[in-house]
């Protein structure tokens, strides 16, 4: 496995721990896409909804075992798929903002193990290594801003 060059993000206000968190968030990109697609085609085998009355109204709901709050597995699955797709879009949008036309190369560099050197050797982008590392630093800064809700 290729070694990865340490990244210096002090000037961007990103700590080493936060950088590693963003790296691992990006490494989940393919799994998140795959899981979101699987949830789209997932057919839930759920029990027949139980009907209950409260305050004169009749409700149909899926009652969890052991009591507790009412849950709807279809809504829970839709919410999970929405969260996964939001994360995928966030990574893709950060790559687009940071790298522009080279967003695909940036996605390969940050969402797969193996390091930037391997991506640069395989993809051969029309920029130098230093410029690519600068774009990568910008990518992590943009992604952090998006995750923190500070991106406009």
C-alpha atoms as a PDB file:
ATOM      1  CA  UNK A   1       0.000   0.000   0.000  1.00  0.00           C
ATOM      2  CA  UNK A   2       1.347   3.398  -0.921  1.00  0.00           C
ATOM      3  CA  UNK A   3       2.239   5.781   1.836  1.00  0.00           C
ATOM      4  CA  UNK A   4       0.249   8.951   2.140  1.00  0.00           C
ATOM      5  CA  UNK A   5       1.876  12.322   2.449  1.00  0.00           C
ATOM      6  CA  UNK A   6       0.913  14.172   5.642  1.00  0.00           C
ATOM      7  CA  UNK A   7      -1.232  17.159   4.934  1.00  0.00           C
ATOM      8  CA  UNK A   8      -0.749  20.550   6.596  1.00  0.00           C
ATOM      9  CA  UNK A   9      -4.053  22.257   7.238  1.00  0.00           C
ATOM     10  CA  UNK A  10      -3.078  24.551  10.124  1.00  0.00           C
ATOM     11  CA  UNK A  11      -3.444  27.609   7.892  1.00  0.00           C
ATOM     12  CA  UNK A  12      -6.971  26.443   6.983  1.00  0.00           C
ATOM     13  CA  UNK A  13      -7.980  26.065  10.640  1.00  0.00           C
ATOM     14  CA  UNK A  14      -8.331  22.283  10.517  1.00  0.00           C
ATOM     15  CA  UNK A  15      -6.732  20.168  13.232  1.00  0.00           C
ATOM     16  CA  UNK A  16      -5.084  16.812  12.544  1.00  0.00           C
ATOM     17  CA  UNK A  17      -7.936  14.975  14.251  1.00  0.00           C
ATOM     18  CA  UNK A  18     -10.553  16.833  12.228  1.00  0.00           C
ATOM     19  CA  UNK A  19      -8.615  16.098   9.023  1.00  0.00           C
ATOM     20  CA  UNK A  20      -8.538  12.371   9.817  1.00  0.00           C
ATOM     21  CA  UNK A  21     -12.272  12.452  10.556  1.00  0.00           C
ATOM     22  CA  UNK A  22     -12.900  14.056   7.148  1.00  0.00           C
ATOM     23  CA  UNK A  23     -10.635  11.478   5.472  1.00  0.00           C
ATOM     24  CA  UNK A  24     -12.570   8.572   6.941  1.00  0.00           C
ATOM     25  CA  UNK A  25     -15.849  10.296   6.082  1.00  0.00           C
ATOM     26  CA  UNK A  26     -14.675  10.424   2.447  1.00  0.00           C
ATOM     27  CA  UNK A  27     -13.519   6.800   2.492  1.00  0.00           C
ATOM     28  CA  UNK A  28     -17.146   5.816   3.212  1.00  0.00           C
ATOM     29  CA  UNK A  29     -18.281   7.451  -0.068  1.00  0.00           C
ATOM     30  CA  UNK A  30     -18.625   4.247  -2.131  1.00  0.00           C
ATOM     31  CA  UNK A  31     -20.309   2.359   0.710  1.00  0.00           C
ATOM     32  CA  UNK A  32     -22.782   5.202   1.232  1.00  0.00           C
ATOM     33  CA  UNK A  33     -23.668   5.238  -2.480  1.00  0.00           C
ATOM     34  CA  UNK A  34     -24.069   1.462  -2.514  1.00  0.00           C
ATOM     35  CA  UNK A  35     -26.192   1.460   0.662  1.00  0.00           C
ATOM     36  CA  UNK A  36     -28.415   4.275  -0.650  1.00  0.00           C
ATOM     37  CA  UNK A  37     -29.029   2.347  -3.881  1.00  0.00           C
ATOM     38  CA  UNK A  38     -29.768  -0.820  -1.924  1.00  0.00           C
ATOM     39  CA  UNK A  39     -32.289   1.019   0.258  1.00  0.00           C
ATOM     40  CA  UNK A  40     -34.091   2.249  -2.850  1.00  0.00           C
ATOM     41  CA  UNK A  41     -34.832  -1.282  -3.988  1.00  0.00           C
ATOM     42  CA  UNK A  42     -35.301  -2.748  -0.517  1.00  0.00           C
ATOM     43  CA  UNK A  43     -38.636  -4.359   0.077  1.00  0.00           C
ATOM     44  CA  UNK A  44     -39.569  -4.361   3.699  1.00  0.00           C
ATOM     45  CA  UNK A  45     -41.409  -7.302   5.084  1.00  0.00           C
ATOM     46  CA  UNK A  46     -43.345  -5.642   7.843  1.00  0.00           C
ATOM     47  CA  UNK A  47     -46.199  -6.897   9.907  1.00  0.00           C
ATOM     48  CA  UNK A  48     -49.732  -5.753   9.281  1.00  0.00           C
ATOM     49  CA  UNK A  49     -50.160  -2.358  10.904  1.00  0.00           C
ATOM     50  CA  UNK A  50     -51.966  -2.368  14.173  1.00  0.00           C
ATOM     51  CA  UNK A  51     -54.745   0.124  14.558  1.00  0.00           C
ATOM     52  CA  UNK A  52     -55.184   2.020  17.768  1.00  0.00           C
ATOM     53  CA  UNK A  53     -57.438   4.790  19.036  1.00  0.00           C
ATOM     54  CA  UNK A  54     -56.395   7.915  20.839  1.00  0.00           C
ATOM     55  CA  UNK A  55     -58.530  10.935  21.649  1.00  0.00           C
ATOM     56  CA  UNK A  56     -61.355   9.683  19.431  1.00  0.00           C
ATOM     57  CA  UNK A  57     -59.156   9.262  16.335  1.00  0.00           C
ATOM     58  CA  UNK A  58     -58.117   5.997  14.782  1.00  0.00           C
ATOM     59  CA  UNK A  59     -54.491   5.571  13.772  1.00  0.00           C
ATOM     60  CA  UNK A  60     -52.670   2.824  11.895  1.00  0.00           C
ATOM     61  CA  UNK A  61     -49.050   2.334  12.915  1.00  0.00           C
ATOM     62  CA  UNK A  62     -46.335  -0.244  13.296  1.00  0.00           C
ATOM     63  CA  UNK A  63     -45.964  -1.004  16.957  1.00  0.00           C
ATOM     64  CA  UNK A  64     -42.478  -2.018  18.072  1.00  0.00           C
ATOM     65  CA  UNK A  65     -42.102  -5.039  20.288  1.00  0.00           C
ATOM     66  CA  UNK A  66     -42.137  -4.250  23.949  1.00  0.00           C
ATOM     67  CA  UNK A  67     -44.137  -1.060  23.542  1.00  0.00           C
ATOM     68  CA  UNK A  68     -42.499   2.308  23.238  1.00  0.00           C
ATOM     69  CA  UNK A  69     -42.898   4.925  20.596  1.00  0.00           C
ATOM     70  CA  UNK A  70     -44.594   4.277  17.278  1.00  0.00           C
ATOM     71  CA  UNK A  71     -42.245   3.568  14.390  1.00  0.00           C
ATOM     72  CA  UNK A  72     -42.661   3.390  10.656  1.00  0.00           C
ATOM     73  CA  UNK A  73     -39.937   1.259   9.032  1.00  0.00           C
ATOM     74  CA  UNK A  74     -40.592   2.729   5.582  1.00  0.00           C
ATOM     75  CA  UNK A  75     -40.126   6.276   6.856  1.00  0.00           C
ATOM     76  CA  UNK A  76     -37.030   5.237   8.821  1.00  0.00           C
ATOM     77  CA  UNK A  77     -35.550   3.652   5.697  1.00  0.00           C
ATOM     78  CA  UNK A  78     -36.342   6.744   3.629  1.00  0.00           C
ATOM     79  CA  UNK A  79     -34.730   8.984   6.253  1.00  0.00           C
ATOM     80  CA  UNK A  80     -31.599   6.815   6.319  1.00  0.00           C
ATOM     81  CA  UNK A  81     -31.373   6.860   2.520  1.00  0.00           C
ATOM     82  CA  UNK A  82     -31.790  10.633   2.564  1.00  0.00           C
ATOM     83  CA  UNK A  83     -28.901  10.991   5.059  1.00  0.00           C
ATOM     84  CA  UNK A  84     -26.654   8.760   2.935  1.00  0.00           C
ATOM     85  CA  UNK A  85     -27.445  10.674  -0.253  1.00  0.00           C
ATOM     86  CA  UNK A  86     -26.891  14.001   1.522  1.00  0.00           C
ATOM     87  CA  UNK A  87     -23.393  12.845   2.547  1.00  0.00           C
ATOM     88  CA  UNK A  88     -22.637  11.644  -1.001  1.00  0.00           C
ATOM     89  CA  UNK A  89     -23.811  14.951  -2.506  1.00  0.00           C
ATOM     90  CA  UNK A  90     -21.782  16.882   0.047  1.00  0.00           C
ATOM     91  CA  UNK A  91     -18.563  15.088  -0.929  1.00  0.00           C
ATOM     92  CA  UNK A  92     -19.302  15.508  -4.642  1.00  0.00           C
ATOM     93  CA  UNK A  93     -20.148  19.201  -4.243  1.00  0.00           C
ATOM     94  CA  UNK A  94     -16.981  19.860  -2.213  1.00  0.00           C
ATOM     95  CA  UNK A  95     -14.932  18.190  -4.959  1.00  0.00           C
ATOM     96  CA  UNK A  96     -16.671  20.318  -7.586  1.00  0.00           C
ATOM     97  CA  UNK A  97     -16.043  23.547  -5.649  1.00  0.00           C
ATOM     98  CA  UNK A  98     -12.415  22.726  -4.875  1.00  0.00           C
ATOM     99  CA  UNK A  99     -11.338  21.131  -8.147  1.00  0.00           C
ATOM    100  CA  UNK A 100     -13.752  22.355 -10.820  1.00  0.00           C
ATOM    101  CA  UNK A 101     -13.127  20.352 -13.991  1.00  0.00           C
ATOM    102  CA  UNK A 102     -10.907  17.941 -12.075  1.00  0.00           C
ATOM    103  CA  UNK A 103     -13.647  16.973  -9.607  1.00  0.00           C
ATOM    104  CA  UNK A 104     -13.578  13.344 -10.770  1.00  0.00           C
ATOM    105  CA  UNK A 105      -9.848  13.093 -10.143  1.00  0.00           C
ATOM    106  CA  UNK A 106     -10.313  14.709  -6.731  1.00  0.00           C
ATOM    107  CA  UNK A 107     -13.063  12.213  -5.871  1.00  0.00           C
ATOM    108  CA  UNK A 108     -10.727   9.336  -6.727  1.00  0.00           C
ATOM    109  CA  UNK A 109      -7.981  10.868  -4.607  1.00  0.00           C
ATOM    110  CA  UNK A 110     -10.064  11.384  -1.465  1.00  0.00           C
ATOM    111  CA  UNK A 111     -12.511   8.462  -1.603  1.00  0.00           C
ATOM    112  CA  UNK A 112     -10.060   5.626  -2.191  1.00  0.00           C
ATOM    113  CA  UNK A 113      -7.058   4.335  -0.332  1.00  0.00           C
ATOM    114  CA  UNK A 114      -3.710   4.409  -2.026  1.00  0.00           C
ATOM    115  CA  UNK A 115      -2.745   8.040  -1.834  1.00  0.00           C
ATOM    116  CA  UNK A 116      -2.598  10.983  -4.147  1.00  0.00           C
ATOM    117  CA  UNK A 117       0.584   9.787  -5.895  1.00  0.00           C
ATOM    118  CA  UNK A 118      -1.194   6.713  -7.255  1.00  0.00           C
ATOM    119  CA  UNK A 119      -4.125   8.819  -8.460  1.00  0.00           C
ATOM    120  CA  UNK A 120      -1.823  11.334 -10.135  1.00  0.00           C
ATOM    121  CA  UNK A 121       0.087   8.522 -11.870  1.00  0.00           C
ATOM    122  CA  UNK A 122      -3.117   6.820 -13.043  1.00  0.00           C
ATOM    123  CA  UNK A 123      -5.255   9.840 -13.963  1.00  0.00           C
ATOM    124  CA  UNK A 124      -2.518  12.220 -15.181  1.00  0.00           C
ATOM    125  CA  UNK A 125      -4.347  15.516 -14.540  1.00  0.00           C
ATOM    126  CA  UNK A 126      -3.123  18.554 -16.497  1.00  0.00           C
ATOM    127  CA  UNK A 127      -1.770  20.242 -13.358  1.00  0.00           C
ATOM    128  CA  UNK A 128       1.282  19.761 -11.197  1.00  0.00           C
ATOM    129  CA  UNK A 129       1.521  17.833  -7.992  1.00  0.00           C
ATOM    130  CA  UNK A 130       1.761  20.956  -5.808  1.00  0.00           C
ATOM    131  CA  UNK A 131      -1.346  22.449  -7.401  1.00  0.00           C
ATOM    132  CA  UNK A 132      -3.228  19.206  -6.848  1.00  0.00           C
ATOM    133  CA  UNK A 133      -2.237  19.099  -3.174  1.00  0.00           C
ATOM    134  CA  UNK A 134      -3.412  22.718  -2.840  1.00  0.00           C
ATOM    135  CA  UNK A 135      -6.778  21.745  -4.366  1.00  0.00           C
ATOM    136  CA  UNK A 136      -6.962  18.808  -1.958  1.00  0.00           C
ATOM    137  CA  UNK A 137      -6.422  21.108   1.025  1.00  0.00           C
ATOM    138  CA  UNK A 138      -9.171  23.369  -0.299  1.00  0.00           C
ATOM    139  CA  UNK A 139     -11.424  20.312  -0.710  1.00  0.00           C
ATOM    140  CA  UNK A 140     -11.076  19.373   2.962  1.00  0.00           C
ATOM    141  CA  UNK A 141     -11.710  22.952   4.042  1.00  0.00           C
ATOM    142  CA  UNK A 142     -14.873  23.177   1.877  1.00  0.00           C
ATOM    143  CA  UNK A 143     -16.072  19.780   3.123  1.00  0.00           C
ATOM    144  CA  UNK A 144     -15.566  20.840   6.725  1.00  0.00           C
ATOM    145  CA  UNK A 145     -17.510  24.039   6.130  1.00  0.00           C
ATOM    146  CA  UNK A 146     -20.355  22.062   4.514  1.00  0.00           C
ATOM    147  CA  UNK A 147     -20.495  19.528   7.346  1.00  0.00           C
ATOM    148  CA  UNK A 148     -20.557  22.295   9.942  1.00  0.00           C
ATOM    149  CA  UNK A 149     -23.361  24.073   8.076  1.00  0.00           C
ATOM    150  CA  UNK A 150     -21.227  27.161   7.451  1.00  0.00           C
ATOM    151  CA  UNK A 151     -21.141  26.882   3.660  1.00  0.00           C
ATOM    152  CA  UNK A 152     -23.520  29.147   1.792  1.00  0.00           C
END
